[in-house]
PDB file of all heavy atoms in Angstrom:
ATOM      1  N   TYR A   1     -19.523  -2.413  -8.844  1.00  0.00           N
ATOM      2  CA  TYR A   1     -18.938  -2.976  -7.629  1.00  0.00           C
ATOM      3  C   TYR A   1     -18.831  -1.884  -6.568  1.00  0.00           C
ATOM      4  O   TYR A   1     -18.770  -0.687  -6.886  1.00  0.00           O
ATOM      5  CB  TYR A   1     -17.552  -3.553  -7.903  1.00  0.00           C
ATOM      6  CG  TYR A   1     -17.571  -4.814  -8.741  1.00  0.00           C
ATOM      7  CD1 TYR A   1     -17.703  -4.744 -10.136  1.00  0.00           C
ATOM      8  CD2 TYR A   1     -17.468  -6.062  -8.156  1.00  0.00           C
ATOM      9  CE1 TYR A   1     -17.724  -5.897 -10.911  1.00  0.00           C
ATOM     10  CE2 TYR A   1     -17.491  -7.226  -8.925  1.00  0.00           C
ATOM     11  CZ  TYR A   1     -17.619  -7.130 -10.295  1.00  0.00           C
ATOM     12  OH  TYR A   1     -17.649  -8.272 -11.053  1.00  0.00           O
ATOM     13  N   THR A   2     -18.794  -2.315  -5.343  1.00  0.00           N
ATOM     14  CA  THR A   2     -18.670  -1.381  -4.222  1.00  0.00           C
ATOM     15  C   THR A   2     -17.417  -1.717  -3.431  1.00  0.00           C
ATOM     16  O   THR A   2     -17.224  -2.860  -3.013  1.00  0.00           O
ATOM     17  CB  THR A   2     -19.894  -1.455  -3.288  1.00  0.00           C
ATOM     18  OG1 THR A   2     -21.065  -1.139  -4.037  1.00  0.00           O
ATOM     19  CG2 THR A   2     -19.754  -0.462  -2.143  1.00  0.00           C
ATOM     20  N   LEU A   3     -16.570  -0.714  -3.274  1.00  0.00           N
ATOM     21  CA  LEU A   3     -15.361  -0.863  -2.465  1.00  0.00           C
ATOM     22  C   LEU A   3     -15.615  -0.248  -1.091  1.00  0.00           C
ATOM     23  O   LEU A   3     -16.022   0.906  -0.983  1.00  0.00           O
ATOM     24  CB  LEU A   3     -14.172  -0.167  -3.127  1.00  0.00           C
ATOM     25  CG  LEU A   3     -12.881  -0.131  -2.300  1.00  0.00           C
ATOM     26  CD1 LEU A   3     -12.337  -1.549  -2.085  1.00  0.00           C
ATOM     27  CD2 LEU A   3     -11.837   0.744  -2.970  1.00  0.00           C
ATOM     28  N   ARG A   4     -15.376  -1.049  -0.086  1.00  0.00           N
ATOM     29  CA  ARG A   4     -15.540  -0.578   1.287  1.00  0.00           C
ATOM     30  C   ARG A   4     -14.199  -0.669   2.002  1.00  0.00           C
ATOM     31  O   ARG A   4     -13.561  -1.726   1.998  1.00  0.00           O
ATOM     32  CB  ARG A   4     -16.597  -1.399   2.029  1.00  0.00           C
ATOM     33  CG  ARG A   4     -18.006  -1.171   1.481  1.00  0.00           C
ATOM     34  CD  ARG A   4     -19.025  -2.034   2.186  1.00  0.00           C
ATOM     35  NE  ARG A   4     -20.376  -1.747   1.689  1.00  0.00           N
ATOM     36  CZ  ARG A   4     -21.451  -2.446   2.004  1.00  0.00           C
ATOM     37  NH1 ARG A   4     -21.332  -3.492   2.814  1.00  0.00           N
ATOM     38  NH2 ARG A   4     -22.642  -2.125   1.520  1.00  0.00           N
ATOM     39  N   VAL A   5     -13.807   0.453   2.586  1.00  0.00           N
ATOM     40  CA  VAL A   5     -12.536   0.535   3.308  1.00  0.00           C
ATOM     41  C   VAL A   5     -12.847   0.679   4.787  1.00  0.00           C
ATOM     42  O   VAL A   5     -13.605   1.568   5.183  1.00  0.00           O
ATOM     43  CB  VAL A   5     -11.684   1.721   2.810  1.00  0.00           C
ATOM     44  CG1 VAL A   5     -10.358   1.762   3.555  1.00  0.00           C
ATOM     45  CG2 VAL A   5     -11.455   1.613   1.306  1.00  0.00           C
ATOM     46  N   LYS A   6     -12.245  -0.206   5.560  1.00  0.00           N
ATOM     47  CA  LYS A   6     -12.535  -0.229   6.995  1.00  0.00           C
ATOM     48  C   LYS A   6     -11.248  -0.071   7.784  1.00  0.00           C
ATOM     49  O   LYS A   6     -10.262  -0.771   7.536  1.00  0.00           O
ATOM     50  CB  LYS A   6     -13.228  -1.537   7.368  1.00  0.00           C
ATOM     51  CG  LYS A   6     -13.633  -1.625   8.833  1.00  0.00           C
ATOM     52  CD  LYS A   6     -14.349  -2.937   9.120  1.00  0.00           C
ATOM     53  CE  LYS A   6     -14.778  -3.048  10.576  1.00  0.00           C
ATOM     54  NZ  LYS A   6     -15.473  -4.330  10.860  1.00  0.00           N
ATOM     55  N   SER A   7     -11.255   0.873   8.704  1.00  0.00           N
ATOM     56  CA  SER A   7     -10.138   1.072   9.612  1.00  0.00           C
ATOM     57  C   SER A   7     -10.330   0.201  10.843  1.00  0.00           C
ATOM     58  O   SER A   7     -11.449   0.062  11.355  1.00  0.00           O
ATOM     59  CB  SER A   7     -10.024   2.543  10.020  1.00  0.00           C
ATOM     60  OG  SER A   7      -9.137   2.703  11.110  1.00  0.00           O
ATOM     61  N   ASN A   8      -9.233  -0.394  11.287  1.00  0.00           N
ATOM     62  CA  ASN A   8      -9.323  -1.226  12.490  1.00  0.00           C
ATOM     63  C   ASN A   8      -9.738  -0.415  13.705  1.00  0.00           C
ATOM     64  O   ASN A   8     -10.282  -0.960  14.671  1.00  0.00           O
ATOM     65  CB  ASN A   8      -7.975  -1.901  12.763  1.00  0.00           C
ATOM     66  CG  ASN A   8      -7.606  -2.875  11.667  1.00  0.00           C
ATOM     67  OD1 ASN A   8      -8.463  -3.311  10.902  1.00  0.00           O
ATOM     68  ND2 ASN A   8      -6.337  -3.214  11.573  1.00  0.00           N
ATOM     69  N   THR A   9      -9.487   0.898  13.648  1.00  0.00           N
ATOM     70  CA  THR A   9      -9.809   1.767  14.787  1.00  0.00           C
ATOM     71  C   THR A   9     -11.141   2.479  14.595  1.00  0.00           C
ATOM     72  O   THR A   9     -11.974   2.526  15.494  1.00  0.00           O
ATOM     73  CB  THR A   9      -8.697   2.808  14.988  1.00  0.00           C
ATOM     74  OG1 THR A   9      -7.453   2.135  15.174  1.00  0.00           O
ATOM     75  CG2 THR A   9      -8.982   3.682  16.200  1.00  0.00           C
ATOM     76  N   LEU A  10     -11.360   3.019  13.392  1.00  0.00           N
ATOM     77  CA  LEU A  10     -12.513   3.888  13.156  1.00  0.00           C
ATOM     78  C   LEU A  10     -13.705   3.169  12.551  1.00  0.00           C
ATOM     79  O   LEU A  10     -14.781   3.742  12.449  1.00  0.00           O
ATOM     80  CB  LEU A  10     -12.106   5.047  12.244  1.00  0.00           C
ATOM     81  CG  LEU A  10     -10.896   5.874  12.681  1.00  0.00           C
ATOM     82  CD1 LEU A  10     -10.653   6.994  11.694  1.00  0.00           C
ATOM     83  CD2 LEU A  10     -11.090   6.412  14.076  1.00  0.00           C
ATOM     84  N   GLY A  11     -13.527   1.936  12.115  1.00  0.00           N
ATOM     85  CA  GLY A  11     -14.616   1.259  11.416  1.00  0.00           C
ATOM     86  C   GLY A  11     -14.607   1.639   9.943  1.00  0.00           C
ATOM     87  O   GLY A  11     -13.560   1.964   9.362  1.00  0.00           O
ATOM     88  N   GLU A  12     -15.770   1.588   9.299  1.00  0.00           N
ATOM     89  CA  GLU A  12     -15.850   1.895   7.868  1.00  0.00           C
ATOM     90  C   GLU A  12     -15.643   3.383   7.650  1.00  0.00           C
ATOM     91  O   GLU A  12     -16.389   4.225   8.155  1.00  0.00           O
ATOM     92  CB  GLU A  12     -17.194   1.462   7.315  1.00  0.00           C
ATOM     93  CG  GLU A  12     -17.263   1.519   5.791  1.00  0.00           C
ATOM     94  CD  GLU A  12     -18.504   0.833   5.245  1.00  0.00           C
ATOM     95  OE1 GLU A  12     -18.642  -0.392   5.461  1.00  0.00           O
ATOM     96  OE2 GLU A  12     -19.325   1.530   4.625  1.00  0.00           O
ATOM     97  N   VAL A  13     -14.597   3.699   6.873  1.00  0.00           N
ATOM     98  CA  VAL A  13     -14.234   5.101   6.677  1.00  0.00           C
ATOM     99  C   VAL A  13     -14.413   5.554   5.232  1.00  0.00           C
ATOM    100  O   VAL A  13     -14.302   6.748   4.944  1.00  0.00           O
ATOM    101  CB  VAL A  13     -12.773   5.338   7.108  1.00  0.00           C
ATOM    102  CG1 VAL A  13     -12.629   5.185   8.608  1.00  0.00           C
ATOM    103  CG2 VAL A  13     -11.818   4.385   6.383  1.00  0.00           C
ATOM    104  N   PHE A  14     -14.691   4.600   4.325  1.00  0.00           N
ATOM    105  CA  PHE A  14     -14.835   5.012   2.926  1.00  0.00           C
ATOM    106  C   PHE A  14     -15.630   3.966   2.171  1.00  0.00           C
ATOM    107  O   PHE A  14     -15.410   2.759   2.323  1.00  0.00           O
ATOM    108  CB  PHE A  14     -13.462   5.184   2.279  1.00  0.00           C
ATOM    109  CG  PHE A  14     -13.526   5.614   0.838  1.00  0.00           C
ATOM    110  CD1 PHE A  14     -13.843   6.922   0.500  1.00  0.00           C
ATOM    111  CD2 PHE A  14     -13.284   4.703  -0.185  1.00  0.00           C
ATOM    112  CE1 PHE A  14     -13.906   7.311  -0.824  1.00  0.00           C
ATOM    113  CE2 PHE A  14     -13.341   5.092  -1.507  1.00  0.00           C
ATOM    114  CZ  PHE A  14     -13.661   6.407  -1.821  1.00  0.00           C
ATOM    115  N   THR A  15     -16.598   4.417   1.345  1.00  0.00           N
ATOM    116  CA  THR A  15     -17.391   3.549   0.478  1.00  0.00           C
ATOM    117  C   THR A  15     -17.431   4.178  -0.900  1.00  0.00           C
ATOM    118  O   THR A  15     -17.694   5.383  -1.030  1.00  0.00           O
ATOM    119  CB  THR A  15     -18.819   3.371   1.027  1.00  0.00           C
ATOM    120  OG1 THR A  15     -18.751   2.826   2.348  1.00  0.00           O
ATOM    121  CG2 THR A  15     -19.617   2.444   0.142  1.00  0.00           C
ATOM    122  N   TYR A  16     -17.195   3.353  -1.924  1.00  0.00           N
ATOM    123  CA  TYR A  16     -17.139   3.899  -3.278  1.00  0.00           C
ATOM    124  C   TYR A  16     -17.691   2.862  -4.255  1.00  0.00           C
ATOM    125  O   TYR A  16     -17.315   1.692  -4.216  1.00  0.00           O
ATOM    126  CB  TYR A  16     -15.694   4.237  -3.630  1.00  0.00           C
ATOM    127  CG  TYR A  16     -15.525   4.847  -4.997  1.00  0.00           C
ATOM    128  CD1 TYR A  16     -15.864   6.180  -5.237  1.00  0.00           C
ATOM    129  CD2 TYR A  16     -15.029   4.089  -6.059  1.00  0.00           C
ATOM    130  CE1 TYR A  16     -15.696   6.740  -6.485  1.00  0.00           C
ATOM    131  CE2 TYR A  16     -14.861   4.645  -7.318  1.00  0.00           C
ATOM    132  CZ  TYR A  16     -15.202   5.964  -7.521  1.00  0.00           C
ATOM    133  OH  TYR A  16     -15.040   6.526  -8.767  1.00  0.00           O
ATOM    134  N   ASP A  17     -18.592   3.309  -5.140  1.00  0.00           N
ATOM    135  CA  ASP A  17     -19.136   2.466  -6.202  1.00  0.00           C
ATOM    136  C   ASP A  17     -18.390   2.751  -7.493  1.00  0.00           C
ATOM    137  O   ASP A  17     -18.189   3.916  -7.863  1.00  0.00           O
ATOM    138  CB  ASP A  17     -20.631   2.738  -6.401  1.00  0.00           C
ATOM    139  CG  ASP A  17     -21.460   2.305  -5.197  1.00  0.00           C
ATOM    140  OD1 ASP A  17     -21.005   1.420  -4.457  1.00  0.00           O
ATOM    141  OD2 ASP A  17     -22.554   2.874  -4.997  1.00  0.00           O
ATOM    142  N   PHE A  18     -17.992   1.688  -8.178  1.00  0.00           N
ATOM    143  CA  PHE A  18     -17.306   1.873  -9.455  1.00  0.00           C
ATOM    144  C   PHE A  18     -17.829   0.837 -10.455  1.00  0.00           C
ATOM    145  O   PHE A  18     -18.262  -0.252 -10.082  1.00  0.00           O
ATOM    146  CB  PHE A  18     -15.784   1.756  -9.302  1.00  0.00           C
ATOM    147  CG  PHE A  18     -15.309   0.421  -8.806  1.00  0.00           C
ATOM    148  CD1 PHE A  18     -14.943  -0.590  -9.688  1.00  0.00           C
ATOM    149  CD2 PHE A  18     -15.227   0.165  -7.441  1.00  0.00           C
ATOM    150  CE1 PHE A  18     -14.500  -1.819  -9.230  1.00  0.00           C
ATOM    151  CE2 PHE A  18     -14.777  -1.063  -6.976  1.00  0.00           C
ATOM    152  CZ  PHE A  18     -14.421  -2.052  -7.865  1.00  0.00           C
ATOM    153  N   TYR A  19     -17.787   1.211 -11.734  1.00  0.00           N
ATOM    154  CA  TYR A  19     -18.242   0.359 -12.827  1.00  0.00           C
ATOM    155  C   TYR A  19     -17.028  -0.164 -13.582  1.00  0.00           C
ATOM    156  O   TYR A  19     -16.090   0.587 -13.870  1.00  0.00           O
ATOM    157  CB  TYR A  19     -19.163   1.123 -13.773  1.00  0.00           C
ATOM    158  CG  TYR A  19     -20.500   1.471 -13.161  1.00  0.00           C
ATOM    159  CD1 TYR A  19     -20.644   2.604 -12.368  1.00  0.00           C
ATOM    160  CD2 TYR A  19     -21.619   0.660 -13.358  1.00  0.00           C
ATOM    161  CE1 TYR A  19     -21.864   2.925 -11.792  1.00  0.00           C
ATOM    162  CE2 TYR A  19     -22.843   0.969 -12.782  1.00  0.00           C
ATOM    163  CZ  TYR A  19     -22.954   2.110 -12.005  1.00  0.00           C
ATOM    164  OH  TYR A  19     -24.170   2.419 -11.439  1.00  0.00           O
ATOM    165  N   VAL A  20     -17.065  -1.453 -13.895  1.00  0.00           N
ATOM    166  CA  VAL A  20     -15.959  -2.077 -14.605  1.00  0.00           C
ATOM    167  C   VAL A  20     -16.184  -1.903 -16.098  1.00  0.00           C
ATOM    168  O   VAL A  20     -17.055  -2.543 -16.684  1.00  0.00           O
ATOM    169  CB  VAL A  20     -15.839  -3.564 -14.236  1.00  0.00           C
ATOM    170  CG1 VAL A  20     -14.756  -4.223 -15.074  1.00  0.00           C
ATOM    171  CG2 VAL A  20     -15.541  -3.719 -12.759  1.00  0.00           C
ATOM    172  N   LYS A  21     -15.425  -0.998 -16.706  1.00  0.00           N
ATOM    173  CA  LYS A  21     -15.524  -0.767 -18.149  1.00  0.00           C
ATOM    174  C   LYS A  21     -14.182  -0.935 -18.837  1.00  0.00           C
ATOM    175  O   LYS A  21     -14.081  -0.745 -20.049  1.00  0.00           O
ATOM    176  CB  LYS A  21     -16.072   0.638 -18.418  1.00  0.00           C
ATOM    177  CG  LYS A  21     -17.509   0.819 -17.921  1.00  0.00           C
ATOM    178  CD  LYS A  21     -18.044   2.183 -18.293  1.00  0.00           C
ATOM    179  CE  LYS A  21     -19.497   2.334 -17.839  1.00  0.00           C
ATOM    180  NZ  LYS A  21     -20.066   3.646 -18.203  1.00  0.00           N
ATOM    181  N   SER A  22     -13.163  -1.264 -18.061  1.00  0.00           N
ATOM    182  CA  SER A  22     -11.829  -1.474 -18.616  1.00  0.00           C
ATOM    183  C   SER A  22     -11.076  -2.391 -17.657  1.00  0.00           C
ATOM    184  O   SER A  22     -11.508  -2.606 -16.521  1.00  0.00           O
ATOM    185  CB  SER A  22     -11.090  -0.133 -18.774  1.00  0.00           C
ATOM    186  OG  SER A  22     -10.816   0.432 -17.504  1.00  0.00           O
ATOM    187  N   PRO A  23      -9.965  -2.948 -18.118  1.00  0.00           N
ATOM    188  CA  PRO A  23      -9.219  -3.868 -17.240  1.00  0.00           C
ATOM    189  C   PRO A  23      -8.464  -3.179 -16.121  1.00  0.00           C
ATOM    190  O   PRO A  23      -7.789  -3.852 -15.340  1.00  0.00           O
ATOM    191  CB  PRO A  23      -8.262  -4.579 -18.205  1.00  0.00           C
ATOM    192  CG  PRO A  23      -8.113  -3.641 -19.336  1.00  0.00           C
ATOM    193  CD  PRO A  23      -9.400  -2.921 -19.481  1.00  0.00           C
ATOM    194  N   SER A  24      -8.569  -1.884 -16.024  1.00  0.00           N
ATOM    195  CA  SER A  24      -7.921  -1.176 -14.921  1.00  0.00           C
ATOM    196  C   SER A  24      -8.871  -0.100 -14.407  1.00  0.00           C
ATOM    197  O   SER A  24      -9.501   0.606 -15.191  1.00  0.00           O
ATOM    198  CB  SER A  24      -6.590  -0.563 -15.358  1.00  0.00           C
ATOM    199  OG  SER A  24      -6.796   0.407 -16.365  1.00  0.00           O
ATOM    200  N   VAL A  25      -8.951  -0.024 -13.100  1.00  0.00           N
ATOM    201  CA  VAL A  25      -9.827   0.942 -12.444  1.00  0.00           C
ATOM    202  C   VAL A  25      -9.006   1.647 -11.364  1.00  0.00           C
ATOM    203  O   VAL A  25      -8.252   1.006 -10.627  1.00  0.00           O
ATOM    204  CB  VAL A  25     -11.054   0.262 -11.804  1.00  0.00           C
ATOM    205  CG1 VAL A  25     -11.913   1.292 -11.069  1.00  0.00           C
ATOM    206  CG2 VAL A  25     -11.868  -0.457 -12.862  1.00  0.00           C
ATOM    207  N   GLU A  26      -9.165   2.936 -11.306  1.00  0.00           N
ATOM    208  CA  GLU A  26      -8.465   3.720 -10.292  1.00  0.00           C
ATOM    209  C   GLU A  26      -9.501   4.349  -9.366  1.00  0.00           C
ATOM    210  O   GLU A  26     -10.418   5.026  -9.804  1.00  0.00           O
ATOM    211  CB  GLU A  26      -7.603   4.803 -10.947  1.00  0.00           C
ATOM    212  CG  GLU A  26      -6.683   5.518  -9.972  1.00  0.00           C
ATOM    213  CD  GLU A  26      -5.716   6.446 -10.688  1.00  0.00           C
ATOM    214  OE1 GLU A  26      -4.624   5.980 -11.085  1.00  0.00           O
ATOM    215  OE2 GLU A  26      -6.068   7.630 -10.877  1.00  0.00           O
ATOM    216  N   VAL A  27      -9.320   4.082  -8.094  1.00  0.00           N
ATOM    217  CA  VAL A  27     -10.240   4.601  -7.078  1.00  0.00           C
ATOM    218  C   VAL A  27      -9.458   5.548  -6.178  1.00  0.00           C
ATOM    219  O   VAL A  27      -8.484   5.141  -5.544  1.00  0.00           O
ATOM    220  CB  VAL A  27     -10.857   3.465  -6.247  1.00  0.00           C
ATOM    221  CG1 VAL A  27     -11.772   4.043  -5.172  1.00  0.00           C
ATOM    222  CG2 VAL A  27     -11.613   2.504  -7.146  1.00  0.00           C
ATOM    223  N   GLN A  28      -9.877   6.758  -6.160  1.00  0.00           N
ATOM    224  CA  GLN A  28      -9.248   7.743  -5.264  1.00  0.00           C
ATOM    225  C   GLN A  28     -10.144   7.926  -4.047  1.00  0.00           C
ATOM    226  O   GLN A  28     -11.277   8.378  -4.143  1.00  0.00           O
ATOM    227  CB  GLN A  28      -9.020   9.072  -5.965  1.00  0.00           C
ATOM    228  CG  GLN A  28      -8.226  10.073  -5.111  1.00  0.00           C
ATOM    229  CD  GLN A  28      -7.878  11.321  -5.876  1.00  0.00           C
ATOM    230  OE1 GLN A  28      -8.665  11.816  -6.673  1.00  0.00           O
ATOM    231  NE2 GLN A  28      -6.681  11.837  -5.657  1.00  0.00           N
ATOM    232  N   THR A  29      -9.616   7.555  -2.930  1.00  0.00           N
ATOM    233  CA  THR A  29     -10.385   7.640  -1.700  1.00  0.00           C
ATOM    234  C   THR A  29     -10.257   9.036  -1.092  1.00  0.00           C
ATOM    235  O   THR A  29      -9.509   9.888  -1.583  1.00  0.00           O
ATOM    236  CB  THR A  29      -9.885   6.609  -0.679  1.00  0.00           C
ATOM    237  OG1 THR A  29      -8.563   6.974  -0.255  1.00  0.00           O
ATOM    238  CG2 THR A  29      -9.862   5.228  -1.284  1.00  0.00           C
TER     239      THR A  29
END
């Protein structure tokens, strides 16, 4: 999956790909 973080002011400020291998995933931006 791909997480995209978008700022209302700056636009897209962070993109991160993560794989689901457990029922909990931690994404550090």
